[in-house]
Amino acid sequence: MPTESLATIEIFDVLGRKVDAFQSETLAAGHYVRRYDASDLGSGVYFCRLKGKSTTTGAALQQVQRMMI
């Protein structure tokens, strides 16, 4: 995160259905790594979306990564 932000992580299947989400939390600026247990999901392609909103400037951030399970 480039600045302190309220962050949300959501997991979607290839059809765009939300299959999981992490609770929103405020994160300080920095680099983060989070493990995800996908044992409840079938094999295939999923998308992980990180959404953030800066608590200081209000600027929005969104990043999407593909996951193959």
C-alpha atoms as a PDB file:
ATOM      1  CA  MET A   1       0.000   0.000   0.000  1.00  0.00           C
ATOM      2  CA  PRO A   2       1.472   3.371  -0.932  1.00  0.00           C
ATOM      3  CA  THR A   3      -0.224   5.153   1.991  1.00  0.00           C
ATOM      4  CA  GLU A   4      -2.274   4.114   5.023  1.00  0.00           C
ATOM      5  CA  SER A   5      -5.435   2.654   3.498  1.00  0.00           C
ATOM      6  CA  LEU A   6      -8.634   0.802   4.256  1.00  0.00           C
ATOM      7  CA  ALA A   7      -8.060  -2.452   2.324  1.00  0.00           C
ATOM      8  CA  THR A   8     -10.400  -5.234   1.195  1.00  0.00           C
ATOM      9  CA  ILE A   9      -9.455  -8.485  -0.556  1.00  0.00           C
ATOM     10  CA  GLU A  10     -12.066 -10.387  -2.564  1.00  0.00           C
ATOM     11  CA  ILE A  11     -11.843 -13.674  -4.502  1.00  0.00           C
ATOM     12  CA  PHE A  12     -13.946 -14.203  -7.657  1.00  0.00           C
ATOM     13  CA  ASP A  13     -14.451 -17.198  -9.925  1.00  0.00           C
ATOM     14  CA  VAL A  14     -14.088 -16.963 -13.697  1.00  0.00           C
ATOM     15  CA  LEU A  15     -17.815 -16.106 -14.008  1.00  0.00           C
ATOM     16  CA  GLY A  16     -17.392 -13.071 -11.740  1.00  0.00           C
ATOM     17  CA  ARG A  17     -19.125 -14.549  -8.681  1.00  0.00           C
ATOM     18  CA  LYS A  18     -17.589 -13.555  -5.358  1.00  0.00           C
ATOM     19  CA  VAL A  19     -16.505 -16.754  -3.608  1.00  0.00           C
ATOM     20  CA  ASP A  20     -14.657 -15.275  -0.612  1.00  0.00           C
ATOM     21  CA  ALA A  21     -13.690 -11.977   0.977  1.00  0.00           C
ATOM     22  CA  PHE A  22     -11.432 -10.794   3.758  1.00  0.00           C
ATOM     23  CA  GLN A  23     -12.719  -8.268   6.252  1.00  0.00           C
ATOM     24  CA  SER A  24     -11.757  -4.681   5.509  1.00  0.00           C
ATOM     25  CA  GLU A  25      -8.915  -3.457   7.654  1.00  0.00           C
ATOM     26  CA  THR A  26      -6.745  -0.371   7.874  1.00  0.00           C
ATOM     27  CA  LEU A  27      -3.171  -1.081   6.789  1.00  0.00           C
ATOM     28  CA  ALA A  28      -0.142   1.163   7.195  1.00  0.00           C
ATOM     29  CA  ALA A  29       1.894   1.982   4.102  1.00  0.00           C
ATOM     30  CA  GLY A  30       4.100  -0.955   3.134  1.00  0.00           C
ATOM     31  CA  HIS A  31       4.377  -4.329   1.430  1.00  0.00           C
ATOM     32  CA  TYR A  32       2.200  -7.210   2.628  1.00  0.00           C
ATOM     33  CA  VAL A  33       1.992 -10.951   1.963  1.00  0.00           C
ATOM     34  CA  ARG A  34      -1.126 -12.936   2.798  1.00  0.00           C
ATOM     35  CA  ARG A  35      -1.608 -16.686   2.424  1.00  0.00           C
ATOM     36  CA  TYR A  36      -4.933 -17.950   1.150  1.00  0.00           C
ATOM     37  CA  ASP A  37      -6.302 -21.426   1.887  1.00  0.00           C
ATOM     38  CA  ALA A  38      -8.105 -22.426  -1.307  1.00  0.00           C
ATOM     39  CA  SER A  39      -8.887 -25.989  -0.206  1.00  0.00           C
ATOM     40  CA  ASP A  40     -12.643 -25.213  -0.312  1.00  0.00           C
ATOM     41  CA  LEU A  41     -12.477 -24.180  -3.982  1.00  0.00           C
ATOM     42  CA  GLY A  42     -12.488 -26.421  -7.025  1.00  0.00           C
ATOM     43  CA  SER A  43      -9.557 -26.356  -9.413  1.00  0.00           C
ATOM     44  CA  GLY A  44      -9.600 -23.616 -12.028  1.00  0.00           C
ATOM     45  CA  VAL A  45      -8.915 -19.927 -12.552  1.00  0.00           C
ATOM     46  CA  TYR A  46      -9.844 -17.358  -9.902  1.00  0.00           C
ATOM     47  CA  PHE A  47      -9.205 -13.661  -9.501  1.00  0.00           C
ATOM     48  CA  CYS A  48      -8.028 -11.872  -6.375  1.00  0.00           C
ATOM     49  CA  ARG A  49      -8.984  -8.188  -6.144  1.00  0.00           C
ATOM     50  CA  LEU A  50      -7.347  -5.804  -3.691  1.00  0.00           C
ATOM     51  CA  LYS A  51      -9.247  -2.568  -3.165  1.00  0.00           C
ATOM     52  CA  GLY A  52      -7.878   0.230  -1.043  1.00  0.00           C
ATOM     53  CA  LYS A  53      -8.830   3.782  -0.154  1.00  0.00           C
ATOM     54  CA  SER A  54      -6.267   6.079   1.404  1.00  0.00           C
ATOM     55  CA  THR A  55      -7.283   7.281   4.863  1.00  0.00           C
ATOM     56  CA  THR A  56      -5.299  10.508   4.341  1.00  0.00           C
ATOM     57  CA  THR A  57      -5.984  11.573   0.731  1.00  0.00           C
ATOM     58  CA  GLY A  58      -9.050   9.514  -0.191  1.00  0.00           C
ATOM     59  CA  ALA A  59      -7.267   8.193  -3.310  1.00  0.00           C
ATOM     60  CA  ALA A  60      -8.494   4.804  -4.530  1.00  0.00           C
ATOM     61  CA  LEU A  61      -6.366   1.792  -5.448  1.00  0.00           C
ATOM     62  CA  GLN A  62      -7.469  -1.407  -7.167  1.00  0.00           C
ATOM     63  CA  GLN A  63      -5.328  -4.345  -8.252  1.00  0.00           C
ATOM     64  CA  VAL A  64      -6.447  -7.686  -9.711  1.00  0.00           C
ATOM     65  CA  GLN A  65      -4.298 -10.820  -9.884  1.00  0.00           C
ATOM     66  CA  ARG A  66      -5.132 -14.148 -11.550  1.00  0.00           C
ATOM     67  CA  MET A  67      -4.793 -17.319  -9.453  1.00  0.00           C
ATOM     68  CA  MET A  68      -4.689 -20.844 -10.817  1.00  0.00           C
ATOM     69  CA  ILE A  69      -5.781 -23.523  -8.366  1.00  0.00           C
END
